[in-house]
Each structure stands twice: as C-alpha cells, then as structure tokens.
C-alpha atoms as a PDB file:
ATOM      1  CA  MET A   1      59.370 141.357   0.939  1.00  0.00           C
ATOM      2  CA  LYS A   2      58.099 144.306  -0.926  1.00  0.00           C
ATOM      3  CA  LYS A   3      60.100 146.436   1.619  1.00  0.00           C
ATOM      4  CA  TYR A   4      63.182 144.512   0.775  1.00  0.00           C
ATOM      5  CA  LEU A   5      62.745 144.523  -3.254  1.00  0.00           C
ATOM      6  CA  ILE A   6      62.122 148.548  -3.159  1.00  0.00           C
ATOM      7  CA  PHE A   7      65.190 148.790  -0.738  1.00  0.00           C
ATOM      8  CA  ILE A   8      67.309 146.365  -3.422  1.00  0.00           C
ATOM      9  CA  GLY A   9      65.950 148.317  -6.333  1.00  0.00           C
ATOM     10  CA  SER A  10      66.531 151.617  -5.061  1.00  0.00           C
ATOM     11  CA  PHE A  11      70.123 150.977  -3.519  1.00  0.00           C
ATOM     12  CA  ILE A  12      71.336 149.306  -7.288  1.00  0.00           C
ATOM     13  CA  LEU A  13      69.918 152.188  -8.976  1.00  0.00           C
ATOM     14  CA  LEU A  14      71.761 154.766  -6.659  1.00  0.00           C
ATOM     15  CA  TYR A  15      74.872 152.534  -6.799  1.00  0.00           C
ATOM     16  CA  PHE A  16      75.053 152.879 -10.682  1.00  0.00           C
ATOM     17  CA  VAL A  17      73.980 156.493 -10.537  1.00  0.00           C
ATOM     18  CA  CYS A  18      76.821 157.283  -8.243  1.00  0.00           C
ATOM     19  CA  GLN A  19      79.422 154.871 -10.041  1.00  0.00           C
ATOM     20  CA  TRP A  20      78.576 156.853 -13.183  1.00  0.00           C
ATOM     21  CA  LEU A  21      78.696 160.391 -11.645  1.00  0.00           C
ATOM     22  CA  SER A  22      81.875 159.705  -9.911  1.00  0.00           C
ATOM     23  CA  GLY A  23      83.433 158.045 -13.409  1.00  0.00           C
ATOM     24  CA  MET A  24      82.538 161.455 -15.192  1.00  0.00           C
ATOM     25  CA  LEU A  25      83.726 163.755 -12.499  1.00  0.00           C
ATOM     26  CA  LEU A  26      87.375 161.781 -12.627  1.00  0.00           C
ATOM     27  CA  THR A  27      87.197 161.699 -16.287  1.00  0.00           C
ATOM     28  CA  LEU A  28      86.757 165.815 -16.303  1.00  0.00           C
ATOM     29  CA  GLN A  29      89.094 166.077 -13.530  1.00  0.00           C
ATOM     30  CA  TYR A  30      91.933 163.491 -15.453  1.00  0.00           C
ATOM     31  CA  ASP A  31      94.900 165.405 -15.386  1.00  0.00           C
ATOM     32  CA  PRO A  32      97.618 163.316 -17.585  1.00  0.00           C
ATOM     33  CA  GLU A  33     100.595 165.408 -16.906  1.00  0.00           C
ATOM     34  CA  THR A  34     100.611 164.169 -12.904  1.00  0.00           C
ATOM     35  CA  GLY A  35     101.657 161.079 -12.030  1.00  0.00           C
ATOM     36  CA  GLY A  36      99.855 159.159  -9.445  1.00  0.00           C
ATOM     37  CA  GLY A  37      96.409 158.318  -8.706  1.00  0.00           C
ATOM     38  CA  ALA A  38      94.041 159.595  -6.210  1.00  0.00           C
ATOM     39  CA  GLY A  39      93.585 156.559  -4.347  1.00  0.00           C
ATOM     40  CA  SER A  40      89.887 156.653  -3.834  1.00  0.00           C
ATOM     41  CA  ARG A  41      89.172 153.276  -2.325  1.00  0.00           C
ATOM     42  CA  PRO A  42      88.941 154.733   1.509  1.00  0.00           C
ATOM     43  CA  TYR A  43      85.887 156.698   0.081  1.00  0.00           C
ATOM     44  CA  GLN A  44      83.930 153.597  -1.377  1.00  0.00           C
ATOM     45  CA  LEU A  45      82.903 152.671   2.059  1.00  0.00           C
ATOM     46  CA  LEU A  46      81.389 155.864   3.000  1.00  0.00           C
ATOM     47  CA  VAL A  47      79.622 155.894  -0.590  1.00  0.00           C
ATOM     48  CA  LEU A  48      78.195 152.509   0.162  1.00  0.00           C
ATOM     49  CA  ILE A  49      77.139 153.864   3.665  1.00  0.00           C
ATOM     50  CA  GLY A  50      75.429 156.806   1.935  1.00  0.00           C
ATOM     51  CA  ILE A  51      73.944 154.835  -0.918  1.00  0.00           C
ATOM     52  CA  ALA A  52      72.309 152.332   1.445  1.00  0.00           C
ATOM     53  CA  THR A  53      71.054 155.240   3.785  1.00  0.00           C
ATOM     54  CA  VAL A  54      69.130 156.679   0.668  1.00  0.00           C
ATOM     55  CA  SER A  55      67.883 153.562  -0.117  1.00  0.00           C
ATOM     56  CA  TYR A  56      66.223 152.587   3.195  1.00  0.00           C
ATOM     57  CA  PHE A  57      64.562 155.898   3.391  1.00  0.00           C
ATOM     58  CA  LEU A  58      63.287 155.287  -0.046  1.00  0.00           C
ATOM     59  CA  SER A  59      62.107 152.179   0.710  1.00  0.00           C
ATOM     60  CA  ARG A  60      60.242 153.122   3.886  1.00  0.00           C
ATOM     61  CA  LEU A  61      58.309 156.044   1.645  1.00  0.00           C
ATOM     62  CA  PRO A  62      55.301 153.785   0.801  1.00  0.00           C
ATOM     63  CA  ASP A  63      54.682 153.079   4.315  1.00  0.00           C
ATOM     64  CA  ARG A  64      54.629 157.178   5.114  1.00  0.00           C
ATOM     65  CA  LYS A  65      52.356 157.664   2.203  1.00  0.00           C
ATOM     66  CA  GLN A  66      49.753 154.938   3.550  1.00  0.00           C
ATOM     67  CA  GLY A  67      49.773 156.531   6.997  1.00  0.00           C
ATOM     68  CA  GLU A  68      51.768 153.827   8.910  1.00  0.00           C
ATOM     69  CA  THR A  69      54.154 154.201  11.419  1.00  0.00           C
ATOM     70  CA  TYR A  70      57.216 152.304  11.987  1.00  0.00           C
ATOM     71  CA  ARG A  71      56.581 150.123  14.951  1.00  0.00           C
ATOM     72  CA  ALA A  72      60.018 148.153  16.412  1.00  0.00           C
ATOM     73  CA  SER A  73      59.296 144.194  16.722  1.00  0.00           C
END
C-alpha cells in the first residue's frame, strides 16, 4: 500500500508540475496574429506515459535505499 501511495502522490505532483510548465510555455509562445491552434492532443499520451514512468521509479526509491532488490512474483 505504501508503494501505491508513493506512486500516486508522485504521479499527481509531476502531472500538475508538467501542466503548469506547459501552460507557461504555451502562454509565452502565444502569438495572437496567427489563427490556428497547435493541436497538442497527440502529445498528451506521451506526457502521461513519461510522468507515469518517472513516478514508478520514484516509488521504487525507498526499496533501493533499504537494500532490497525487486523480486517478480
């Protein structure tokens, strides 16, 4: 249960950080003279996969600090 809470907590935190940073980046790059949108929908899945990957490795850190190794069950 502890690993799950660490994973979910780090996933939510990284998700909000990525959303905030991408919002800042898109705001800085906004040009009101151009008409269309960038269409960032296809990249959302890649961002979520990246966030989930980082969260997974962050949730595995306490095990490594205690000297335990991962055993597939």
